Amino acid sequence: MAFTWTLGRTTVHGDERTMHGTVTADNTSGSVDTGLCNINQVLYAPKTMTSGARFRINSLPSGTATAGYLAVTGCTSGDVFYVTVYGS
Protein backbone atom coordinates (compact mmCIF):
# COMPACT_ATOMS: atom_id res chain seq x y z
CA MET A 1 0.00 0.00 0.00
CA ALA A 2 0.97 3.64 -0.17
CA PHE A 3 0.20 6.86 1.63
CA THR A 4 -3.13 8.28 0.50
CA TRP A 5 -3.54 11.85 -0.79
CA THR A 6 -7.20 12.90 -0.77
CA LEU A 7 -7.65 16.17 -2.61
CA GLY A 8 -10.30 18.43 -1.13
CA ARG A 9 -9.90 21.64 -3.13
CA THR A 10 -7.66 23.35 -5.64
CA THR A 11 -7.31 27.05 -6.33
CA VAL A 12 -4.83 29.62 -7.63
CA HIS A 13 -3.11 32.29 -5.55
CA GLY A 14 -1.24 34.72 -7.76
CA ASP A 15 1.04 32.61 -9.93
CA GLU A 16 0.89 29.47 -7.75
CA ARG A 17 -1.50 26.54 -7.73
CA THR A 18 -2.78 25.67 -4.27
CA MET A 19 -4.05 22.24 -3.31
CA HIS A 20 -5.79 21.43 -0.02
CA GLY A 21 -6.31 17.87 1.13
CA THR A 22 -5.47 15.15 3.61
CA VAL A 23 -2.64 12.65 3.77
CA THR A 24 -3.24 9.31 5.49
CA ALA A 25 -0.19 7.31 6.56
CA ASP A 26 -0.10 3.52 6.28
CA ASN A 27 3.50 3.14 7.47
CA THR A 28 6.18 5.11 9.32
CA SER A 29 7.30 6.83 6.11
CA GLY A 30 6.03 7.31 2.61
CA SER A 31 5.21 9.85 -0.07
CA VAL A 32 2.36 11.14 -2.17
CA ASP A 33 2.24 12.57 -5.68
CA THR A 34 0.51 15.93 -5.31
CA GLY A 35 -0.01 16.41 -9.03
CA LEU A 36 2.10 19.57 -9.03
CA CYS A 37 5.18 19.90 -11.23
CA ASN A 38 7.09 21.52 -8.37
CA ILE A 39 6.18 22.17 -4.72
CA ASN A 40 7.30 25.54 -3.33
CA GLN A 41 5.81 25.27 0.16
CA VAL A 42 3.82 22.93 2.40
CA LEU A 43 1.64 23.74 5.39
CA TYR A 44 0.21 21.00 7.55
CA ALA A 45 -1.86 20.45 10.66
CA PRO A 46 -2.41 17.11 12.35
CA LYS A 47 -5.89 15.64 12.33
CA THR A 48 -4.79 12.54 14.23
CA MET A 49 -1.12 12.25 15.08
CA THR A 50 0.64 10.06 17.63
CA SER A 51 4.22 11.10 16.82
CA GLY A 52 6.14 13.99 15.30
CA ALA A 53 6.25 13.83 11.52
CA ARG A 54 8.72 15.48 9.17
CA PHE A 55 7.83 16.68 5.68
CA ARG A 56 10.11 17.04 2.64
CA ILE A 57 8.98 18.79 -0.52
CA ASN A 58 9.96 17.52 -3.96
CA SER A 59 11.44 14.39 -2.42
CA LEU A 60 10.91 10.73 -1.63
CA PRO A 61 11.44 9.46 1.94
CA SER A 62 14.89 8.18 0.95
CA GLY A 63 15.93 11.75 0.09
CA THR A 64 15.82 11.24 -3.68
CA ALA A 65 14.73 14.47 -5.37
CA THR A 66 11.39 13.90 -7.12
CA ALA A 67 9.48 16.98 -8.29
CA GLY A 68 5.89 17.22 -7.13
CA TYR A 69 6.16 14.58 -4.41
CA LEU A 70 5.66 15.19 -0.71
CA ALA A 71 7.57 12.83 1.60
CA VAL A 72 6.53 12.21 5.20
CA THR A 73 8.79 10.45 7.70
CA GLY A 74 8.63 9.81 11.44
CA CYS A 75 4.89 9.23 11.53
CA THR A 76 2.75 6.33 12.70
CA SER A 77 0.52 4.17 10.55
CA GLY A 78 -2.98 5.63 10.69
CA ASP A 79 -1.88 9.24 11.21
CA VAL A 80 -3.89 11.76 9.19
CA PHE A 81 -2.69 15.27 8.28
CA TYR A 82 -4.44 18.27 6.75
CA VAL A 83 -2.04 19.43 4.05
CA THR A 84 -1.85 22.51 1.81
CA VAL A 85 0.79 22.60 -0.92
CA TYR A 86 1.73 25.58 -3.07
CA GLY A 87 3.56 25.24 -6.36
CA SER A 88 3.39 25.15 -10.10
PDB file of N, CA and C in Angstrom:
ATOM      1  N   MET A   1       0.835  -1.173   0.000  1.00  0.00           N
ATOM      2  CA  MET A   1       0.000   0.000   0.000  1.00  0.00           C
ATOM      3  C   MET A   1       0.884   1.242   0.000  1.00  0.00           C
ATOM      4  N   ALA A   2       0.246   2.371  -0.135  1.00  0.00           N
ATOM      5  CA  ALA A   2       0.972   3.640  -0.167  1.00  0.00           C
ATOM      6  C   ALA A   2       0.210   4.671   0.647  1.00  0.00           C
ATOM      7  N   PHE A   3       0.887   5.754   0.977  1.00  0.00           N
ATOM      8  CA  PHE A   3       0.196   6.858   1.635  1.00  0.00           C
ATOM      9  C   PHE A   3      -0.912   7.344   0.711  1.00  0.00           C
ATOM     10  N   THR A   4      -1.994   7.828   1.292  1.00  0.00           N
ATOM     11  CA  THR A   4      -3.134   8.284   0.505  1.00  0.00           C
ATOM     12  C   THR A   4      -3.230   9.800   0.535  1.00  0.00           C
ATOM     13  N   TRP A   5      -3.346  10.406  -0.642  1.00  0.00           N
ATOM     14  CA  TRP A   5      -3.541  11.851  -0.794  1.00  0.00           C
ATOM     15  C   TRP A   5      -4.967  12.040  -1.267  1.00  0.00           C
ATOM     16  N   THR A   6      -5.812  12.641  -0.421  1.00  0.00           N
ATOM     17  CA  THR A   6      -7.200  12.900  -0.772  1.00  0.00           C
ATOM     18  C   THR A   6      -7.359  14.395  -0.993  1.00  0.00           C
ATOM     19  N   LEU A   7      -7.553  14.765  -2.233  1.00  0.00           N
ATOM     20  CA  LEU A   7      -7.653  16.168  -2.610  1.00  0.00           C
ATOM     21  C   LEU A   7      -9.025  16.713  -2.261  1.00  0.00           C
ATOM     22  N   GLY A   8      -9.044  17.809  -1.523  1.00  0.00           N
ATOM     23  CA  GLY A   8     -10.297  18.431  -1.132  1.00  0.00           C
ATOM     24  C   GLY A   8     -10.660  19.622  -1.995  1.00  0.00           C
ATOM     25  N   ARG A   9      -9.633  20.419  -2.377  1.00  0.00           N
ATOM     26  CA  ARG A   9      -9.901  21.644  -3.133  1.00  0.00           C
ATOM     27  C   ARG A   9      -8.627  22.122  -3.803  1.00  0.00           C
ATOM     28  N   THR A  10      -8.767  22.696  -4.970  1.00  0.00           N
ATOM     29  CA  THR A  10      -7.655  23.352  -5.644  1.00  0.00           C
ATOM     30  C   THR A  10      -8.059  24.779  -5.977  1.00  0.00           C
ATOM     31  N   THR A  11      -7.071  25.658  -5.987  1.00  0.00           N
ATOM     32  CA  THR A  11      -7.310  27.049  -6.333  1.00  0.00           C
ATOM     33  C   THR A  11      -5.995  27.646  -6.818  1.00  0.00           C
ATOM     34  N   VAL A  12      -6.032  28.916  -7.179  1.00  0.00           N
ATOM     35  CA  VAL A  12      -4.833  29.616  -7.632  1.00  0.00           C
ATOM     36  C   VAL A  12      -4.662  30.873  -6.797  1.00  0.00           C
ATOM     37  N   HIS A  13      -3.458  31.075  -6.292  1.00  0.00           N
ATOM     38  CA  HIS A  13      -3.112  32.290  -5.547  1.00  0.00           C
ATOM     39  C   HIS A  13      -1.978  32.958  -6.305  1.00  0.00           C
ATOM     40  N   GLY A  14      -2.270  34.053  -6.965  1.00  0.00           N
ATOM     41  CA  GLY A  14      -1.241  34.720  -7.762  1.00  0.00           C
ATOM     42  C   GLY A  14      -0.778  33.813  -8.878  1.00  0.00           C
ATOM     43  N   ASP A  15       0.502  33.470  -8.885  1.00  0.00           N
ATOM     44  CA  ASP A  15       1.041  32.613  -9.934  1.00  0.00           C
ATOM     45  C   ASP A  15       1.270  31.180  -9.452  1.00  0.00           C
ATOM     46  N   GLU A  16       0.692  30.816  -8.291  1.00  0.00           N
ATOM     47  CA  GLU A  16       0.890  29.471  -7.754  1.00  0.00           C
ATOM     48  C   GLU A  16      -0.427  28.713  -7.648  1.00  0.00           C
ATOM     49  N   ARG A  17      -0.374  27.424  -7.982  1.00  0.00           N
ATOM     50  CA  ARG A  17      -1.505  26.542  -7.734  1.00  0.00           C
ATOM     51  C   ARG A  17      -1.484  26.165  -6.264  1.00  0.00           C
ATOM     52  N   THR A  18      -2.652  26.044  -5.678  1.00  0.00           N
ATOM     53  CA  THR A  18      -2.775  25.669  -4.273  1.00  0.00           C
ATOM     54  C   THR A  18      -3.696  24.471  -4.185  1.00  0.00           C
ATOM     55  N   MET A  19      -3.260  23.452  -3.461  1.00  0.00           N
ATOM     56  CA  MET A  19      -4.047  22.236  -3.308  1.00  0.00           C
ATOM     57  C   MET A  19      -4.215  21.936  -1.824  1.00  0.00           C
ATOM     58  N   HIS A  20      -5.474  21.753  -1.409  1.00  0.00           N
ATOM     59  CA  HIS A  20      -5.795  21.434  -0.024  1.00  0.00           C
ATOM     60  C   HIS A  20      -6.306  20.003   0.032  1.00  0.00           C
ATOM     61  N   GLY A  21      -5.828  19.238   1.001  1.00  0.00           N
ATOM     62  CA  GLY A  21      -6.307  17.870   1.126  1.00  0.00           C
ATOM     63  C   GLY A  21      -5.828  17.226   2.406  1.00  0.00           C
ATOM     64  N   THR A  22      -5.949  15.904   2.459  1.00  0.00           N
ATOM     65  CA  THR A  22      -5.467  15.146   3.606  1.00  0.00           C
ATOM     66  C   THR A  22      -4.519  14.058   3.148  1.00  0.00           C
ATOM     67  N   VAL A  23      -3.557  13.759   3.996  1.00  0.00           N
ATOM     68  CA  VAL A  23      -2.637  12.648   3.768  1.00  0.00           C
ATOM     69  C   VAL A  23      -2.864  11.645   4.889  1.00  0.00           C
ATOM     70  N   THR A  24      -3.070  10.390   4.522  1.00  0.00           N
ATOM     71  CA  THR A  24      -3.240   9.315   5.485  1.00  0.00           C
ATOM     72  C   THR A  24      -2.050   8.373   5.387  1.00  0.00           C
ATOM     73  N   ALA A  25      -1.380   8.163   6.517  1.00  0.00           N
ATOM     74  CA  ALA A  25      -0.192   7.310   6.556  1.00  0.00           C
ATOM     75  C   ALA A  25      -0.587   5.848   6.755  1.00  0.00           C
ATOM     76  N   ASP A  26       0.111   4.954   6.066  1.00  0.00           N
ATOM     77  CA  ASP A  26      -0.099   3.521   6.281  1.00  0.00           C
ATOM     78  C   ASP A  26       1.197   2.837   6.705  1.00  0.00           C
ATOM     79  N   ASN A  27       2.202   3.647   7.055  1.00  0.00           N
ATOM     80  CA  ASN A  27       3.499   3.137   7.466  1.00  0.00           C
ATOM     81  C   ASN A  27       4.200   4.255   8.226  1.00  0.00           C
ATOM     82  N   THR A  28       5.446   4.072   8.596  1.00  0.00           N
ATOM     83  CA  THR A  28       6.180   5.113   9.316  1.00  0.00           C
ATOM     84  C   THR A  28       6.786   6.147   8.385  1.00  0.00           C
ATOM     85  N   SER A  29       6.844   5.849   7.096  1.00  0.00           N
ATOM     86  CA  SER A  29       7.304   6.828   6.108  1.00  0.00           C
ATOM     87  C   SER A  29       6.710   6.487   4.759  1.00  0.00           C
ATOM     88  N   GLY A  30       6.587   7.512   3.933  1.00  0.00           N
ATOM     89  CA  GLY A  30       6.033   7.314   2.606  1.00  0.00           C
ATOM     90  C   GLY A  30       5.928   8.647   1.889  1.00  0.00           C
ATOM     91  N   SER A  31       5.344   8.622   0.706  1.00  0.00           N
ATOM     92  CA  SER A  31       5.213   9.852  -0.068  1.00  0.00           C
ATOM     93  C   SER A  31       3.928   9.825  -0.866  1.00  0.00           C
ATOM     94  N   VAL A  32       3.529  11.012  -1.318  1.00  0.00           N
ATOM     95  CA  VAL A  32       2.356  11.143  -2.175  1.00  0.00           C
ATOM     96  C   VAL A  32       2.710  12.032  -3.357  1.00  0.00           C
ATOM     97  N   ASP A  33       2.110  11.739  -4.489  1.00  0.00           N
ATOM     98  CA  ASP A  33       2.240  12.569  -5.682  1.00  0.00           C
ATOM     99  C   ASP A  33       1.138  13.603  -5.620  1.00  0.00           C
ATOM    100  N   THR A  34       1.503  14.869  -5.456  1.00  0.00           N
ATOM    101  CA  THR A  34       0.511  15.933  -5.310  1.00  0.00           C
ATOM    102  C   THR A  34      -0.131  16.337  -6.626  1.00  0.00           C
ATOM    103  N   GLY A  35       0.495  15.984  -7.733  1.00  0.00           N
ATOM    104  CA  GLY A  35      -0.011  16.407  -9.028  1.00  0.00           C
ATOM    105  C   GLY A  35       0.613  17.712  -9.503  1.00  0.00           C
ATOM    106  N   LEU A  36       1.396  18.348  -8.643  1.00  0.00           N
ATOM    107  CA  LEU A  36       2.102  19.571  -9.033  1.00  0.00           C
ATOM    108  C   LEU A  36       3.409  19.207  -9.744  1.00  0.00           C
ATOM    109  N   CYS A  37       3.884  20.097 -10.591  1.00  0.00           N
ATOM    110  CA  CYS A  37       5.183  19.899 -11.233  1.00  0.00           C
ATOM    111  C   CYS A  37       6.319  20.195 -10.257  1.00  0.00           C
ATOM    112  N   ASN A  38       6.076  21.116  -9.338  1.00  0.00           N
ATOM    113  CA  ASN A  38       7.087  21.518  -8.365  1.00  0.00           C
ATOM    114  C   ASN A  38       6.379  22.086  -7.140  1.00  0.00           C
ATOM    115  N   ILE A  39       6.754  21.645  -5.955  1.00  0.00           N
ATOM    116  CA  ILE A  39       6.177  22.174  -4.715  1.00  0.00           C
ATOM    117  C   ILE A  39       7.094  23.268  -4.195  1.00  0.00           C
ATOM    118  N   ASN A  40       6.527  24.431  -3.891  1.00  0.00           N
ATOM    119  CA  ASN A  40       7.302  25.536  -3.332  1.00  0.00           C
ATOM    120  C   ASN A  40       7.186  25.599  -1.811  1.00  0.00           C
ATOM    121  N   GLN A  41       6.038  25.171  -1.275  1.00  0.00           N
ATOM    122  CA  GLN A  41       5.814  25.272   0.161  1.00  0.00           C
ATOM    123  C   GLN A  41       4.749  24.279   0.593  1.00  0.00           C
ATOM    124  N   VAL A  42       4.853  23.805   1.822  1.00  0.00           N
ATOM    125  CA  VAL A  42       3.823  22.933   2.402  1.00  0.00           C
ATOM    126  C   VAL A  42       3.451  23.468   3.782  1.00  0.00           C
ATOM    127  N   LEU A  43       2.169  23.427   4.059  1.00  0.00           N
ATOM    128  CA  LEU A  43       1.643  23.738   5.388  1.00  0.00           C
ATOM    129  C   LEU A  43       0.843  22.523   5.829  1.00  0.00           C
ATOM    130  N   TYR A  44       0.976  22.150   7.099  1.00  0.00           N
ATOM    131  CA  TYR A  44       0.211  20.996   7.550  1.00  0.00           C
ATOM    132  C   TYR A  44      -0.276  21.207   8.974  1.00  0.00           C
ATOM    133  N   ALA A  45      -1.318  20.483   9.305  1.00  0.00           N
ATOM    134  CA  ALA A  45      -1.858  20.453  10.661  1.00  0.00           C
ATOM    135  C   ALA A  45      -2.302  19.022  10.913  1.00  0.00           C
ATOM    136  N   PRO A  46      -1.998  18.483  12.073  1.00  0.00           N
ATOM    137  CA  PRO A  46      -2.413  17.108  12.354  1.00  0.00           C
ATOM    138  C   PRO A  46      -3.918  16.999  12.584  1.00  0.00           C
ATOM    139  N   LYS A  47      -4.504  15.977  12.006  1.00  0.00           N
ATOM    140  CA  LYS A  47      -5.891  15.640  12.326  1.00  0.00           C
ATOM    141  C   LYS A  47      -5.857  14.591  13.443  1.00  0.00           C
ATOM    142  N   THR A  48      -5.103  13.535  13.210  1.00  0.00           N
ATOM    143  CA  THR A  48      -4.794  12.538  14.226  1.00  0.00           C
ATOM    144  C   THR A  48      -3.305  12.255  14.103  1.00  0.00           C
ATOM    145  N   MET A  49      -2.562  12.443  15.163  1.00  0.00           N
ATOM    146  CA  MET A  49      -1.118  12.255  15.077  1.00  0.00           C
ATOM    147  C   MET A  49      -0.612  11.740  16.422  1.00  0.00           C
ATOM    148  N   THR A  50       0.112  10.637  16.401  1.00  0.00           N
ATOM    149  CA  THR A  50       0.643  10.058  17.628  1.00  0.00           C
ATOM    150  C   THR A  50       2.138  10.284  17.785  1.00  0.00           C
ATOM    151  N   SER A  51       2.781  10.835  16.750  1.00  0.00           N
ATOM    152  CA  SER A  51       4.219  11.104  16.822  1.00  0.00           C
ATOM    153  C   SER A  51       4.534  12.325  15.967  1.00  0.00           C
ATOM    154  N   GLY A  52       5.737  12.828  16.082  1.00  0.00           N
ATOM    155  CA  GLY A  52       6.145  13.991  15.299  1.00  0.00           C
ATOM    156  C   GLY A  52       6.569  13.598  13.897  1.00  0.00           C
ATOM    157  N   ALA A  53       5.933  14.143  12.917  1.00  0.00           N
ATOM    158  CA  ALA A  53       6.245  13.826  11.519  1.00  0.00           C
ATOM    159  C   ALA A  53       7.112  14.922  10.912  1.00  0.00           C
ATOM    160  N   ARG A  54       7.898  14.539   9.916  1.00  0.00           N
ATOM    161  CA  ARG A  54       8.723  15.478   9.166  1.00  0.00           C
ATOM    162  C   ARG A  54       8.313  15.417   7.691  1.00  0.00           C
ATOM    163  N   PHE A  55       8.251  16.576   7.065  1.00  0.00           N
ATOM    164  CA  PHE A  55       7.829  16.677   5.676  1.00  0.00           C
ATOM    165  C   PHE A  55       8.990  17.157   4.821  1.00  0.00           C
ATOM    166  N   ARG A  56       9.123  16.599   3.627  1.00  0.00           N
ATOM    167  CA  ARG A  56      10.110  17.035   2.642  1.00  0.00           C
ATOM    168  C   ARG A  56       9.375  17.303   1.338  1.00  0.00           C
ATOM    169  N   ILE A  57       9.627  18.472   0.754  1.00  0.00           N
ATOM    170  CA  ILE A  57       8.984  18.786  -0.518  1.00  0.00           C
ATOM    171  C   ILE A  57       9.882  18.352  -1.661  1.00  0.00           C
ATOM    172  N   ASN A  58       9.257  17.956  -2.759  1.00  0.00           N
ATOM    173  CA  ASN A  58       9.965  17.515  -3.964  1.00  0.00           C
ATOM    174  C   ASN A  58      10.977  16.418  -3.651  1.00  0.00           C
ATOM    175  N   SER A  59      10.523  15.434  -2.873  1.00  0.00           N
ATOM    176  CA  SER A  59      11.436  14.390  -2.422  1.00  0.00           C
ATOM    177  C   SER A  59      10.675  13.110  -2.106  1.00  0.00           C
ATOM    178  N   LEU A  60      11.409  11.993  -2.139  1.00  0.00           N
ATOM    179  CA  LEU A  60      10.913  10.730  -1.635  1.00  0.00           C
ATOM    180  C   LEU A  60      11.472  10.550  -0.226  1.00  0.00           C
ATOM    181  N   PRO A  61      10.933   9.635   0.579  1.00  0.00           N
ATOM    182  CA  PRO A  61      11.436   9.455   1.935  1.00  0.00           C
ATOM    183  C   PRO A  61      12.934   9.140   2.012  1.00  0.00           C
ATOM    184  N   SER A  62      13.463   8.520   0.976  1.00  0.00           N
ATOM    185  CA  SER A  62      14.891   8.183   0.955  1.00  0.00           C
ATOM    186  C   SER A  62      15.773   9.400   0.737  1.00  0.00           C
ATOM    187  N   GLY A  63      15.170  10.535   0.363  1.00  0.00           N
ATOM    188  CA  GLY A  63      15.931  11.746   0.090  1.00  0.00           C
ATOM    189  C   GLY A  63      16.139  11.998  -1.392  1.00  0.00           C
ATOM    190  N   THR A  64      15.702  11.076  -2.235  1.00  0.00           N
ATOM    191  CA  THR A  64      15.817  11.240  -3.676  1.00  0.00           C
ATOM    192  C   THR A  64      14.921  12.378  -4.148  1.00  0.00           C
ATOM    193  N   ALA A  65      15.501  13.330  -4.862  1.00  0.00           N
ATOM    194  CA  ALA A  65      14.730  14.469  -5.374  1.00  0.00           C
ATOM    195  C   ALA A  65      13.727  13.986  -6.423  1.00  0.00           C
ATOM    196  N   THR A  66      12.460  14.276  -6.207  1.00  0.00           N
ATOM    197  CA  THR A  66      11.390  13.903  -7.123  1.00  0.00           C
ATOM    198  C   THR A  66      10.357  15.021  -7.123  1.00  0.00           C
ATOM    199  N   ALA A  67      10.347  15.803  -8.189  1.00  0.00           N
ATOM    200  CA  ALA A  67       9.479  16.976  -8.288  1.00  0.00           C
ATOM    201  C   ALA A  67       8.011  16.607  -8.124  1.00  0.00           C
ATOM    202  N   GLY A  68       7.314  17.403  -7.312  1.00  0.00           N
ATOM    203  CA  GLY A  68       5.885  17.221  -7.131  1.00  0.00           C
ATOM    204  C   GLY A  68       5.492  16.233  -6.055  1.00  0.00           C
ATOM    205  N   TYR A  69       6.466  15.548  -5.460  1.00  0.00           N
ATOM    206  CA  TYR A  69       6.162  14.578  -4.411  1.00  0.00           C
ATOM    207  C   TYR A  69       6.374  15.183  -3.037  1.00  0.00           C
ATOM    208  N   LEU A  70       5.558  14.769  -2.095  1.00  0.00           N
ATOM    209  CA  LEU A  70       5.662  15.186  -0.710  1.00  0.00           C
ATOM    210  C   LEU A  70       5.983  13.950   0.121  1.00  0.00           C
ATOM    211  N   ALA A  71       7.156  13.955   0.762  1.00  0.00           N
ATOM    212  CA  ALA A  71       7.572  12.830   1.600  1.00  0.00           C
ATOM    213  C   ALA A  71       7.255  13.127   3.052  1.00  0.00           C
ATOM    214  N   VAL A  72       6.824  12.096   3.768  1.00  0.00           N
ATOM    215  CA  VAL A  72       6.533  12.207   5.200  1.00  0.00           C
ATOM    216  C   VAL A  72       7.290  11.086   5.898  1.00  0.00           C
ATOM    217  N   THR A  73       8.064  11.438   6.919  1.00  0.00           N
ATOM    218  CA  THR A  73       8.789  10.445   7.704  1.00  0.00           C
ATOM    219  C   THR A  73       8.522  10.687   9.190  1.00  0.00           C
ATOM    220  N   GLY A  74       8.784   9.681  10.002  1.00  0.00           N
ATOM    221  CA  GLY A  74       8.628   9.814  11.442  1.00  0.00           C
ATOM    222  C   GLY A  74       7.191   9.819  11.922  1.00  0.00           C
ATOM    223  N   CYS A  75       6.297   9.264  11.133  1.00  0.00           N
ATOM    224  CA  CYS A  75       4.891   9.230  11.532  1.00  0.00           C
ATOM    225  C   CYS A  75       4.514   7.810  11.946  1.00  0.00           C
ATOM    226  N   THR A  76       3.273   7.623  12.302  1.00  0.00           N
ATOM    227  CA  THR A  76       2.754   6.327  12.700  1.00  0.00           C
ATOM    228  C   THR A  76       1.646   5.930  11.738  1.00  0.00           C
ATOM    229  N   SER A  77       1.580   4.655  11.424  1.00  0.00           N
ATOM    230  CA  SER A  77       0.519   4.168  10.548  1.00  0.00           C
ATOM    231  C   SER A  77      -0.842   4.568  11.112  1.00  0.00           C
ATOM    232  N   GLY A  78      -1.663   5.163  10.282  1.00  0.00           N
ATOM    233  CA  GLY A  78      -2.982   5.630  10.693  1.00  0.00           C
ATOM    234  C   GLY A  78      -3.048   7.124  10.956  1.00  0.00           C
ATOM    235  N   ASP A  79      -1.886   7.790  11.031  1.00  0.00           N
ATOM    236  CA  ASP A  79      -1.880   9.243  11.207  1.00  0.00           C
ATOM    237  C   ASP A  79      -2.534   9.912   9.999  1.00  0.00           C
ATOM    238  N   VAL A  80      -3.252  10.994  10.248  1.00  0.00           N
ATOM    239  CA  VAL A  80      -3.894  11.760   9.187  1.00  0.00           C
ATOM    240  C   VAL A  80      -3.513  13.226   9.363  1.00  0.00           C
ATOM    241  N   PHE A  81      -3.118  13.882   8.265  1.00  0.00           N
ATOM    242  CA  PHE A  81      -2.687  15.268   8.280  1.00  0.00           C
ATOM    243  C   PHE A  81      -3.498  16.089   7.290  1.00  0.00           C
ATOM    244  N   TYR A  82      -3.904  17.293   7.701  1.00  0.00           N
ATOM    245  CA  TYR A  82      -4.437  18.269   6.753  1.00  0.00           C
ATOM    246  C   TYR A  82      -3.233  18.908   6.097  1.00  0.00           C
ATOM    247  N   VAL A  83      -3.205  18.944   4.769  1.00  0.00           N
ATOM    248  CA  VAL A  83      -2.036  19.434   4.049  1.00  0.00           C
ATOM    249  C   VAL A  83      -2.463  20.439   2.987  1.00  0.00           C
ATOM    250  N   THR A  84      -1.698  21.545   2.895  1.00  0.00           N
ATOM    251  CA  THR A  84      -1.852  22.506   1.813  1.00  0.00           C
ATOM    252  C   THR A  84      -0.498  22.640   1.138  1.00  0.00           C
ATOM    253  N   VAL A  85      -0.462  22.441  -0.174  1.00  0.00           N
ATOM    254  CA  VAL A  85       0.792  22.605  -0.925  1.00  0.00           C
ATOM    255  C   VAL A  85       0.620  23.723  -1.939  1.00  0.00           C
ATOM    256  N   TYR A  86       1.679  24.485  -2.106  1.00  0.00           N
ATOM    257  CA  TYR A  86       1.735  25.582  -3.074  1.00  0.00           C
ATOM    258  C   TYR A  86       2.814  25.248  -4.079  1.00  0.00           C
ATOM    259  N   GLY A  87       2.544  25.500  -5.343  1.00  0.00           N
ATOM    260  CA  GLY A  87       3.560  25.237  -6.357  1.00  0.00           C
ATOM    261  C   GLY A  87       3.059  25.536  -7.743  1.00  0.00           C
ATOM    262  N   SER A  88       3.739  24.918  -8.698  1.00  0.00           N
ATOM    263  CA  SER A  88       3.391  25.147 -10.105  1.00  0.00           C
ATOM    264  C   SER A  88       3.148  23.827 -10.799  1.00  0.00           C
TER     265      SER A  88
END
